[in-house]
Amino acid sequence: MQDKTFGWTVEMQVKAAKHKFRFTEIPAKYRKRIGVSKVSGTVRG
């Protein structure tokens, strides 16, 4: 892994695909975060 900013999660998934990893997903529960998002909370982010 090398990405230093927002590309971290997608880098992991793309590299997992390229390396033919066995993967799966589970349904996640997800709620409103505490505080303001540094990414989706601003247009620039």
All heavy atoms as atom14 arrays in JSON, in Angstrom:
{
  "sequence": "MQDKTFGWTVEMQVKAAKHKFRFTEIPAKYRKRIGVSKVSGTVRG",
  "atom14_mask": [
    [1, 1, 1, 1, 1, 1, 1, 1, 0, 0, 0, 0, 0, 0],
    [1, 1, 1, 1, 1, 1, 1, 1, 1, 0, 0, 0, 0, 0],
    [1, 1, 1, 1, 1, 1, 1, 1, 0, 0, 0, 0, 0, 0],
    [1, 1, 1, 1, 1, 1, 1, 1, 1, 0, 0, 0, 0, 0],
    [1, 1, 1, 1, 1, 1, 1, 0, 0, 0, 0, 0, 0, 0],
    [1, 1, 1, 1, 1, 1, 1, 1, 1, 1, 1, 0, 0, 0],
    [1, 1, 1, 1, 0, 0, 0, 0, 0, 0, 0, 0, 0, 0],
    [1, 1, 1, 1, 1, 1, 1, 1, 1, 1, 1, 1, 1, 1],
    [1, 1, 1, 1, 1, 1, 1, 0, 0, 0, 0, 0, 0, 0],
    [1, 1, 1, 1, 1, 1, 1, 0, 0, 0, 0, 0, 0, 0],
    [1, 1, 1, 1, 1, 1, 1, 1, 1, 0, 0, 0, 0, 0],
    [1, 1, 1, 1, 1, 1, 1, 1, 0, 0, 0, 0, 0, 0],
    [1, 1, 1, 1, 1, 1, 1, 1, 1, 0, 0, 0, 0, 0],
    [1, 1, 1, 1, 1, 1, 1, 0, 0, 0, 0, 0, 0, 0],
    [1, 1, 1, 1, 1, 1, 1, 1, 1, 0, 0, 0, 0, 0],
    [1, 1, 1, 1, 1, 0, 0, 0, 0, 0, 0, 0, 0, 0],
    [1, 1, 1, 1, 1, 0, 0, 0, 0, 0, 0, 0, 0, 0],
    [1, 1, 1, 1, 1, 1, 1, 1, 1, 0, 0, 0, 0, 0],
    [1, 1, 1, 1, 1, 1, 1, 1, 1, 1, 0, 0, 0, 0],
    [1, 1, 1, 1, 1, 1, 1, 1, 1, 0, 0, 0, 0, 0],
    [1, 1, 1, 1, 1, 1, 1, 1, 1, 1, 1, 0, 0, 0],
    [1, 1, 1, 1, 1, 1, 1, 1, 1, 1, 1, 0, 0, 0],
    [1, 1, 1, 1, 1, 1, 1, 1, 1, 1, 1, 0, 0, 0],
    [1, 1, 1, 1, 1, 1, 1, 0, 0, 0, 0, 0, 0, 0],
    [1, 1, 1, 1, 1, 1, 1, 1, 1, 0, 0, 0, 0, 0],
    [1, 1, 1, 1, 1, 1, 1, 1, 0, 0, 0, 0, 0, 0],
    [1, 1, 1, 1, 1, 1, 1, 0, 0, 0, 0, 0, 0, 0],
    [1, 1, 1, 1, 1, 0, 0, 0, 0, 0, 0, 0, 0, 0],
    [1, 1, 1, 1, 1, 1, 1, 1, 1, 0, 0, 0, 0, 0],
    [1, 1, 1, 1, 1, 1, 1, 1, 1, 1, 1, 1, 0, 0],
    [1, 1, 1, 1, 1, 1, 1, 1, 1, 1, 1, 0, 0, 0],
    [1, 1, 1, 1, 1, 1, 1, 1, 1, 0, 0, 0, 0, 0],
    [1, 1, 1, 1, 1, 1, 1, 1, 1, 1, 1, 0, 0, 0],
    [1, 1, 1, 1, 1, 1, 1, 1, 0, 0, 0, 0, 0, 0],
    [1, 1, 1, 1, 0, 0, 0, 0, 0, 0, 0, 0, 0, 0],
    [1, 1, 1, 1, 1, 1, 1, 0, 0, 0, 0, 0, 0, 0],
    [1, 1, 1, 1, 1, 1, 0, 0, 0, 0, 0, 0, 0, 0],
    [1, 1, 1, 1, 1, 1, 1, 1, 1, 0, 0, 0, 0, 0],
    [1, 1, 1, 1, 1, 1, 1, 0, 0, 0, 0, 0, 0, 0],
    [1, 1, 1, 1, 1, 1, 0, 0, 0, 0, 0, 0, 0, 0],
    [1, 1, 1, 1, 0, 0, 0, 0, 0, 0, 0, 0, 0, 0],
    [1, 1, 1, 1, 1, 1, 1, 0, 0, 0, 0, 0, 0, 0],
    [1, 1, 1, 1, 1, 1, 1, 0, 0, 0, 0, 0, 0, 0],
    [1, 1, 1, 1, 1, 1, 1, 1, 1, 1, 1, 0, 0, 0],
    [1, 1, 1, 1, 0, 0, 0, 0, 0, 0, 0, 0, 0, 0]
  ],
  "atom14_positions": [
    [[0.82, -1.21, 0.0], [0.0, 0.0, 0.0], [0.86, 1.26, 0.0], [1.86, 1.33, 0.71], [-0.93, -0.01, 1.21], [-2.0, -1.08, 1.17], [-3.24, -0.77, -0.13], [-3.97, 0.75, 0.47], [0.0, 0.0, 0.0], [0.0, 0.0, 0.0], [0.0, 0.0, 0.0], [0.0, 0.0, 0.0], [0.0, 0.0, 0.0], [0.0, 0.0, 0.0]],
    [[0.46, 2.24, -0.79], [1.26, 3.46, -0.94], [0.47, 4.76, -0.83], [1.05, 5.79, -0.51], [1.98, 3.43, -2.3], [2.97, 2.3, -2.44], [3.64, 2.29, -3.81], [3.48, 3.23, -4.6], [4.37, 1.24, -4.1], [0.0, 0.0, 0.0], [0.0, 0.0, 0.0], [0.0, 0.0, 0.0], [0.0, 0.0, 0.0], [0.0, 0.0, 0.0]],
    [[-0.82, 4.73, -1.12], [-1.56, 5.99, -1.18], [-1.57, 6.68, 0.18], [-1.77, 6.05, 1.21], [-3.0, 5.75, -1.63], [-3.69, 7.06, -1.97], [-3.59, 7.5, -3.12], [-4.3, 7.67, -1.06], [0.0, 0.0, 0.0], [0.0, 0.0, 0.0], [0.0, 0.0, 0.0], [0.0, 0.0, 0.0], [0.0, 0.0, 0.0], [0.0, 0.0, 0.0]],
    [[-1.39, 7.99, 0.15], [-1.26, 8.75, 1.39], [-2.5, 9.57, 1.74], [-2.57, 10.17, 2.81], [-0.04, 9.68, 1.3], [1.27, 8.92, 1.15], [2.46, 9.86, 1.08], [3.77, 9.07, 0.98], [4.95, 9.96, 0.94], [0.0, 0.0, 0.0], [0.0, 0.0, 0.0], [0.0, 0.0, 0.0], [0.0, 0.0, 0.0], [0.0, 0.0, 0.0]],
    [[-3.5, 9.59, 0.85], [-4.66, 10.44, 1.12], [-5.96, 9.68, 0.9], [-6.17, 8.62, 1.46], [-4.6, 11.73, 0.27], [-4.51, 11.38, -1.13], [-3.38, 12.57, 0.63], [0.0, 0.0, 0.0], [0.0, 0.0, 0.0], [0.0, 0.0, 0.0], [0.0, 0.0, 0.0], [0.0, 0.0, 0.0], [0.0, 0.0, 0.0], [0.0, 0.0, 0.0]],
    [[-6.83, 10.22, 0.03], [-8.19, 9.7, -0.12], [-8.26, 8.41, -0.92], [-9.32, 7.78, -0.95], [-9.08, 10.74, -0.79], [-9.11, 12.07, -0.11], [-8.71, 13.22, -0.78], [-9.55, 12.2, 1.2], [-8.76, 14.45, -0.16], [-9.6, 13.42, 1.83], [-9.2, 14.55, 1.15], [0.0, 0.0, 0.0], [0.0, 0.0, 0.0], [0.0, 0.0, 0.0]],
    [[-7.2, 8.02, -1.6], [-7.26, 6.85, -2.46], [-6.97, 5.54, -1.77], [-6.9, 4.49, -2.42], [0.0, 0.0, 0.0], [0.0, 0.0, 0.0], [0.0, 0.0, 0.0], [0.0, 0.0, 0.0], [0.0, 0.0, 0.0], [0.0, 0.0, 0.0], [0.0, 0.0, 0.0], [0.0, 0.0, 0.0], [0.0, 0.0, 0.0], [0.0, 0.0, 0.0]],
    [[-6.8, 5.58, -0.45], [-6.37, 4.4, 0.3], [-7.3, 3.2, 0.11], [-6.85, 2.1, -0.22], [-6.27, 4.76, 1.79], [-5.95, 3.6, 2.68], [-6.83, 2.78, 3.32], [-4.63, 3.12, 3.02], [-6.15, 1.82, 4.04], [-4.82, 2.01, 3.88], [-3.34, 3.52, 2.71], [-3.75, 1.32, 4.43], [-2.27, 2.81, 3.25], [-2.48, 1.72, 4.08]],
    [[-8.6, 3.4, 0.31], [-9.51, 2.25, 0.27], [-9.61, 1.67, -1.13], [-9.6, 0.45, -1.3], [-10.91, 2.64, 0.78], [-11.42, 3.73, 0.02], [-10.86, 3.03, 2.25], [0.0, 0.0, 0.0], [0.0, 0.0, 0.0], [0.0, 0.0, 0.0], [0.0, 0.0, 0.0], [0.0, 0.0, 0.0], [0.0, 0.0, 0.0], [0.0, 0.0, 0.0]],
    [[-9.71, 2.53, -2.13], [-9.84, 2.01, -3.5], [-8.53, 1.37, -3.96], [-8.56, 0.37, -4.69], [-10.31, 3.12, -4.47], [-9.23, 4.14, -4.73], [-10.79, 2.5, -5.78], [0.0, 0.0, 0.0], [0.0, 0.0, 0.0], [0.0, 0.0, 0.0], [0.0, 0.0, 0.0], [0.0, 0.0, 0.0], [0.0, 0.0, 0.0], [0.0, 0.0, 0.0]],
    [[-7.39, 1.88, -3.51], [-6.12, 1.23, -3.85], [-6.1, -0.2, -3.33], [-5.69, -1.13, -4.03], [-4.94, 2.01, -3.28], [-3.59, 1.36, -3.61], [-2.41, 1.91, -2.82], [-2.61, 2.77, -1.94], [-1.28, 1.46, -3.08], [0.0, 0.0, 0.0], [0.0, 0.0, 0.0], [0.0, 0.0, 0.0], [0.0, 0.0, 0.0], [0.0, 0.0, 0.0]],
    [[-6.53, -0.38, -2.09], [-6.54, -1.71, -1.51], [-7.42, -2.66, -2.3], [-7.05, -3.81, -2.6], [-7.0, -1.66, -0.05], [-6.86, -2.99, 0.67], [-7.51, -2.92, 2.38], [-6.4, -1.74, 3.13], [0.0, 0.0, 0.0], [0.0, 0.0, 0.0], [0.0, 0.0, 0.0], [0.0, 0.0, 0.0], [0.0, 0.0, 0.0], [0.0, 0.0, 0.0]],
    [[-8.6, -2.18, -2.72], [-9.53, -3.05, -3.43], [-9.08, -3.35, -4.85], [-9.2, -4.47, -5.33], [-10.93, -2.44, -3.4], [-11.58, -2.6, -2.03], [-12.8, -1.73, -1.8], [-12.75, -0.77, -1.05], [-13.9, -2.05, -2.45], [0.0, 0.0, 0.0], [0.0, 0.0, 0.0], [0.0, 0.0, 0.0], [0.0, 0.0, 0.0], [0.0, 0.0, 0.0]],
    [[-8.52, -2.36, -5.53], [-8.02, -2.6, -6.88], [-6.83, -3.56, -6.85], [-6.74, -4.49, -7.66], [-7.63, -1.27, -7.56], [-6.82, -1.53, -8.83], [-8.87, -0.46, -7.89], [0.0, 0.0, 0.0], [0.0, 0.0, 0.0], [0.0, 0.0, 0.0], [0.0, 0.0, 0.0], [0.0, 0.0, 0.0], [0.0, 0.0, 0.0], [0.0, 0.0, 0.0]],
    [[-5.93, -3.36, -5.9], [-4.77, -4.26, -5.8], [-5.21, -5.67, -5.4], [-4.63, -6.66, -5.87], [-3.75, -3.69, -4.82], [-2.97, -2.51, -5.39], [-1.88, -2.05, -4.44], [-0.96, -1.03, -5.1], [0.11, -0.56, -4.19], [0.0, 0.0, 0.0], [0.0, 0.0, 0.0], [0.0, 0.0, 0.0], [0.0, 0.0, 0.0], [0.0, 0.0, 0.0]],
    [[-6.22, -5.77, -4.55], [-6.74, -7.09, -4.2], [-7.3, -7.79, -5.43], [-7.11, -9.0, -5.62], [-7.84, -6.94, -3.13], [0.0, 0.0, 0.0], [0.0, 0.0, 0.0], [0.0, 0.0, 0.0], [0.0, 0.0, 0.0], [0.0, 0.0, 0.0], [0.0, 0.0, 0.0], [0.0, 0.0, 0.0], [0.0, 0.0, 0.0], [0.0, 0.0, 0.0]],
    [[-7.97, -7.02, -6.29], [-8.5, -7.58, -7.53], [-7.36, -8.06, -8.44], [-7.42, -9.15, -9.0], [-9.35, -6.55, -8.26], [0.0, 0.0, 0.0], [0.0, 0.0, 0.0], [0.0, 0.0, 0.0], [0.0, 0.0, 0.0], [0.0, 0.0, 0.0], [0.0, 0.0, 0.0], [0.0, 0.0, 0.0], [0.0, 0.0, 0.0], [0.0, 0.0, 0.0]],
    [[-6.33, -7.22, -8.58], [-5.21, -7.57, -9.46], [-4.43, -8.78, -8.94], [-3.88, -9.55, -9.73], [-4.28, -6.37, -9.61], [-4.91, -5.19, -10.35], [-3.95, -4.04, -10.54], [-2.9, -4.35, -11.57], [-2.09, -3.15, -11.92], [0.0, 0.0, 0.0], [0.0, 0.0, 0.0], [0.0, 0.0, 0.0], [0.0, 0.0, 0.0], [0.0, 0.0, 0.0]],
    [[-4.39, -8.93, -7.62], [-3.67, -10.06, -7.03], [-4.55, -11.3, -6.85], [-4.11, -12.29, -6.26], [-3.09, -9.65, -5.66], [-1.85, -8.81, -5.75], [-1.87, -7.49, -6.16], [-0.56, -9.1, -5.47], [-0.65, -7.01, -6.12], [0.16, -7.96, -5.72], [0.0, 0.0, 0.0], [0.0, 0.0, 0.0], [0.0, 0.0, 0.0], [0.0, 0.0, 0.0]],
    [[-5.78, -11.22, -7.34], [-6.7, -12.36, -7.29], [-7.01, -12.81, -5.87], [-7.14, -14.0, -5.57], [-6.14, -13.56, -8.09], [-5.68, -13.23, -9.49], [-6.83, -12.81, -10.38], [-6.37, -12.62, -11.83], [-7.42, -12.07, -12.7], [0.0, 0.0, 0.0], [0.0, 0.0, 0.0], [0.0, 0.0, 0.0], [0.0, 0.0, 0.0], [0.0, 0.0, 0.0]],
    [[-7.13, -11.86, -4.97], [-7.49, -12.2, -3.6], [-8.92, -12.74, -3.54], [-9.78, -12.35, -4.33], [-7.41, -10.97, -2.69], [-6.01, -10.52, -2.35], [-4.89, -11.16, -2.87], [-5.81, -9.44, -1.5], [-3.61, -10.73, -2.55], [-4.55, -9.01, -1.17], [-3.45, -9.65, -1.69], [0.0, 0.0, 0.0], [0.0, 0.0, 0.0], [0.0, 0.0, 0.0]],
    [[-9.15, -13.59, -2.59], [-10.51, -14.04, -2.29], [-11.12, -13.02, -1.33], [-10.57, -12.78, -0.25], [-10.51, -15.43, -1.67], [-10.0, -16.52, -2.62], [-10.21, -17.91, -2.02], [-9.44, -18.11, -0.81], [-8.17, -18.51, -0.77], [-7.52, -18.74, -1.9], [-7.55, -18.67, 0.39], [0.0, 0.0, 0.0], [0.0, 0.0, 0.0], [0.0, 0.0, 0.0]],
    [[-12.23, -12.45, -1.72], [-12.85, -11.44, -0.87], [-14.35, -11.61, -0.86], [-14.95, -12.25, -1.72], [-12.48, -10.03, -1.35], [-13.08, -9.66, -2.68], [-14.35, -9.11, -2.76], [-12.37, -9.88, -3.86], [-14.91, -8.78, -3.99], [-12.92, -9.57, -5.08], [-14.2, -9.01, -5.15], [0.0, 0.0, 0.0], [0.0, 0.0, 0.0], [0.0, 0.0, 0.0]],
    [[-14.95, -10.99, 0.15], [-16.41, -10.96, 0.23], [-16.81, -9.68, 0.95], [-15.96, -8.91, 1.41], [-16.96, -12.2, 0.97], [-18.37, -12.25, 0.82], [-16.6, -12.19, 2.44], [0.0, 0.0, 0.0], [0.0, 0.0, 0.0], [0.0, 0.0, 0.0], [0.0, 0.0, 0.0], [0.0, 0.0, 0.0], [0.0, 0.0, 0.0], [0.0, 0.0, 0.0]],
    [[-18.11, -9.45, 1.03], [-18.64, -8.29, 1.75], [-19.67, -8.77, 2.77], [-20.29, -9.81, 2.59], [-19.31, -7.31, 0.79], [-18.36, -6.69, -0.22], [-19.06, -5.72, -1.17], [-20.29, -5.87, -1.39], [-18.39, -4.82, -1.69], [0.0, 0.0, 0.0], [0.0, 0.0, 0.0], [0.0, 0.0, 0.0], [0.0, 0.0, 0.0], [0.0, 0.0, 0.0]],
    [[-19.81, -7.99, 3.82], [-20.91, -8.21, 4.77], [-21.76, -6.94, 4.79], [-21.26, -5.85, 4.51], [-20.42, -8.54, 6.19], [-19.68, -7.34, 6.8], [-19.55, -9.79, 6.19], [-19.54, -7.41, 8.3], [0.0, 0.0, 0.0], [0.0, 0.0, 0.0], [0.0, 0.0, 0.0], [0.0, 0.0, 0.0], [0.0, 0.0, 0.0], [0.0, 0.0, 0.0]],
    [[-23.06, -7.05, 5.08], [-23.89, -5.85, 5.17], [-23.49, -5.03, 6.4], [-23.44, -5.56, 7.52], [-25.32, -6.4, 5.33], [-25.23, -7.84, 4.91], [-23.84, -8.28, 5.24], [0.0, 0.0, 0.0], [0.0, 0.0, 0.0], [0.0, 0.0, 0.0], [0.0, 0.0, 0.0], [0.0, 0.0, 0.0], [0.0, 0.0, 0.0], [0.0, 0.0, 0.0]],
    [[-23.2, -3.76, 6.17], [-22.75, -2.89, 7.27], [-23.89, -2.02, 7.77], [-24.67, -1.48, 6.99], [-21.61, -2.0, 6.79], [0.0, 0.0, 0.0], [0.0, 0.0, 0.0], [0.0, 0.0, 0.0], [0.0, 0.0, 0.0], [0.0, 0.0, 0.0], [0.0, 0.0, 0.0], [0.0, 0.0, 0.0], [0.0, 0.0, 0.0], [0.0, 0.0, 0.0]],
    [[-23.96, -1.89, 9.08], [-24.81, -0.86, 9.66], [-24.0, 0.44, 9.67], [-22.8, 0.42, 9.94], [-25.24, -1.25, 11.07], [-26.14, -2.46, 11.14], [-26.72, -2.67, 12.52], [-25.67, -3.1, 13.52], [-26.25, -3.39, 14.85], [0.0, 0.0, 0.0], [0.0, 0.0, 0.0], [0.0, 0.0, 0.0], [0.0, 0.0, 0.0], [0.0, 0.0, 0.0]],
    [[-24.66, 1.54, 9.37], [-23.94, 2.81, 9.23], [-24.83, 3.95, 9.7], [-25.98, 4.05, 9.3], [-23.53, 3.02, 7.77], [-22.43, 4.02, 7.54], [-21.12, 3.73, 7.91], [-22.7, 5.25, 6.95], [-20.1, 4.64, 7.68], [-21.68, 6.17, 6.72], [-20.39, 5.86, 7.08], [-19.37, 6.76, 6.88], [0.0, 0.0, 0.0], [0.0, 0.0, 0.0]],
    [[-24.28, 4.81, 10.56], [-25.05, 5.9, 11.14], [-24.37, 7.25, 10.86], [-23.22, 7.3, 10.39], [-25.19, 5.7, 12.65], [-23.86, 5.71, 13.38], [-23.98, 5.21, 14.8], [-22.72, 4.59, 15.22], [-22.61, 3.62, 16.11], [-23.68, 3.13, 16.69], [-21.43, 3.1, 16.41], [0.0, 0.0, 0.0], [0.0, 0.0, 0.0], [0.0, 0.0, 0.0]],
    [[-25.08, 8.31, 11.19], [-24.49, 9.64, 11.06], [-23.26, 9.74, 11.95], [-23.31, 9.34, 13.11], [-25.5, 10.72, 11.46], [-26.66, 10.9, 10.5], [-27.56, 12.02, 10.99], [-28.75, 12.21, 10.07], [-29.67, 13.26, 10.59], [0.0, 0.0, 0.0], [0.0, 0.0, 0.0], [0.0, 0.0, 0.0], [0.0, 0.0, 0.0], [0.0, 0.0, 0.0]],
    [[-22.2, 10.26, 11.39], [-20.96, 10.4, 12.14], [-21.11, 11.48, 13.21], [-21.98, 12.34, 13.14], [-19.8, 10.74, 11.22], [-19.98, 12.02, 10.41], [-18.66, 12.58, 9.95], [-17.88, 13.07, 11.08], [-16.57, 12.95, 11.18], [-15.87, 12.39, 10.23], [-15.94, 13.41, 12.24], [0.0, 0.0, 0.0], [0.0, 0.0, 0.0], [0.0, 0.0, 0.0]],
    [[-20.25, 11.43, 14.2], [-20.16, 12.5, 15.18], [-19.23, 13.57, 14.61], [-18.1, 13.28, 14.22], [-19.62, 11.99, 16.53], [-20.62, 11.01, 17.16], [-19.33, 13.15, 17.48], [-20.15, 10.38, 18.46], [0.0, 0.0, 0.0], [0.0, 0.0, 0.0], [0.0, 0.0, 0.0], [0.0, 0.0, 0.0], [0.0, 0.0, 0.0], [0.0, 0.0, 0.0]],
    [[-19.7, 14.8, 14.52], [-18.9, 15.88, 13.95], [-19.1, 15.98, 12.44], [-19.94, 15.29, 11.85], [0.0, 0.0, 0.0], [0.0, 0.0, 0.0], [0.0, 0.0, 0.0], [0.0, 0.0, 0.0], [0.0, 0.0, 0.0], [0.0, 0.0, 0.0], [0.0, 0.0, 0.0], [0.0, 0.0, 0.0], [0.0, 0.0, 0.0], [0.0, 0.0, 0.0]],
    [[-18.32, 16.84, 11.81], [-18.42, 17.12, 10.38], [-17.35, 16.37, 9.62], [-16.17, 16.39, 10.01], [-18.3, 18.63, 10.1], [-18.37, 18.91, 8.6], [-19.39, 19.4, 10.83], [0.0, 0.0, 0.0], [0.0, 0.0, 0.0], [0.0, 0.0, 0.0], [0.0, 0.0, 0.0], [0.0, 0.0, 0.0], [0.0, 0.0, 0.0], [0.0, 0.0, 0.0]],
    [[-17.74, 15.71, 8.53], [-16.78, 14.97, 7.72], [-15.76, 15.88, 7.09], [-16.09, 16.96, 6.6], [-17.52, 14.2, 6.61], [-16.6, 13.62, 5.71], [0.0, 0.0, 0.0], [0.0, 0.0, 0.0], [0.0, 0.0, 0.0], [0.0, 0.0, 0.0], [0.0, 0.0, 0.0], [0.0, 0.0, 0.0], [0.0, 0.0, 0.0], [0.0, 0.0, 0.0]],
    [[-14.49, 15.44, 7.11], [-13.43, 16.22, 6.47], [-13.45, 16.06, 4.96], [-12.82, 16.83, 4.23], [-12.05, 15.79, 6.99], [-11.78, 16.16, 8.46], [-12.44, 15.17, 9.39], [-12.13, 15.49, 10.86], [-12.88, 14.62, 11.77], [0.0, 0.0, 0.0], [0.0, 0.0, 0.0], [0.0, 0.0, 0.0], [0.0, 0.0, 0.0], [0.0, 0.0, 0.0]],
    [[-14.18, 15.06, 4.47], [-14.27, 14.81, 3.03], [-15.62, 15.27, 2.5], [-15.74, 16.27, 1.82], [-14.04, 13.31, 2.72], [-14.15, 13.06, 1.22], [-12.66, 12.88, 3.22], [0.0, 0.0, 0.0], [0.0, 0.0, 0.0], [0.0, 0.0, 0.0], [0.0, 0.0, 0.0], [0.0, 0.0, 0.0], [0.0, 0.0, 0.0], [0.0, 0.0, 0.0]],
    [[-16.68, 14.54, 2.84], [-18.0, 14.85, 2.27], [-18.64, 16.08, 2.9], [-19.63, 16.6, 2.4], [-18.94, 13.65, 2.44], [-19.13, 13.35, 3.81], [0.0, 0.0, 0.0], [0.0, 0.0, 0.0], [0.0, 0.0, 0.0], [0.0, 0.0, 0.0], [0.0, 0.0, 0.0], [0.0, 0.0, 0.0], [0.0, 0.0, 0.0], [0.0, 0.0, 0.0]],
    [[-18.07, 16.57, 3.99], [-18.63, 17.73, 4.66], [-18.35, 19.05, 3.96], [-18.93, 20.08, 4.31], [0.0, 0.0, 0.0], [0.0, 0.0, 0.0], [0.0, 0.0, 0.0], [0.0, 0.0, 0.0], [0.0, 0.0, 0.0], [0.0, 0.0, 0.0], [0.0, 0.0, 0.0], [0.0, 0.0, 0.0], [0.0, 0.0, 0.0], [0.0, 0.0, 0.0]],
    [[-17.46, 19.06, 2.96], [-17.16, 20.28, 2.21], [-17.15, 19.97, 0.72], [-16.86, 18.84, 0.31], [-15.78, 20.86, 2.61], [-14.75, 19.95, 2.19], [-15.68, 21.07, 4.11], [0.0, 0.0, 0.0], [0.0, 0.0, 0.0], [0.0, 0.0, 0.0], [0.0, 0.0, 0.0], [0.0, 0.0, 0.0], [0.0, 0.0, 0.0], [0.0, 0.0, 0.0]],
    [[-17.47, 20.98, -0.08], [-17.43, 20.81, -1.54], [-16.02, 20.47, -1.99], [-15.8, 19.57, -2.81], [-17.95, 22.08, -2.24], [-17.77, 21.97, -3.75], [-19.42, 22.31, -1.9], [0.0, 0.0, 0.0], [0.0, 0.0, 0.0], [0.0, 0.0, 0.0], [0.0, 0.0, 0.0], [0.0, 0.0, 0.0], [0.0, 0.0, 0.0], [0.0, 0.0, 0.0]],
    [[-15.06, 21.21, -1.46], [-13.66, 20.98, -1.85], [-13.21, 19.56, -1.5], [-12.58, 18.88, -2.32], [-12.75, 21.99, -1.15], [-11.27, 21.86, -1.53], [-10.44, 22.95, -0.85], [-9.05, 22.87, -1.27], [-8.13, 22.13, -0.67], [-8.46, 21.4, 0.39], [-6.88, 22.1, -1.11], [0.0, 0.0, 0.0], [0.0, 0.0, 0.0], [0.0, 0.0, 0.0]],
    [[-13.56, 19.11, -0.29], [-13.18, 17.77, 0.12], [-13.8, 16.7, -0.76], [-13.15, 15.71, -1.12], [0.0, 0.0, 0.0], [0.0, 0.0, 0.0], [0.0, 0.0, 0.0], [0.0, 0.0, 0.0], [0.0, 0.0, 0.0], [0.0, 0.0, 0.0], [0.0, 0.0, 0.0], [0.0, 0.0, 0.0], [0.0, 0.0, 0.0], [0.0, 0.0, 0.0]]
  ]
}
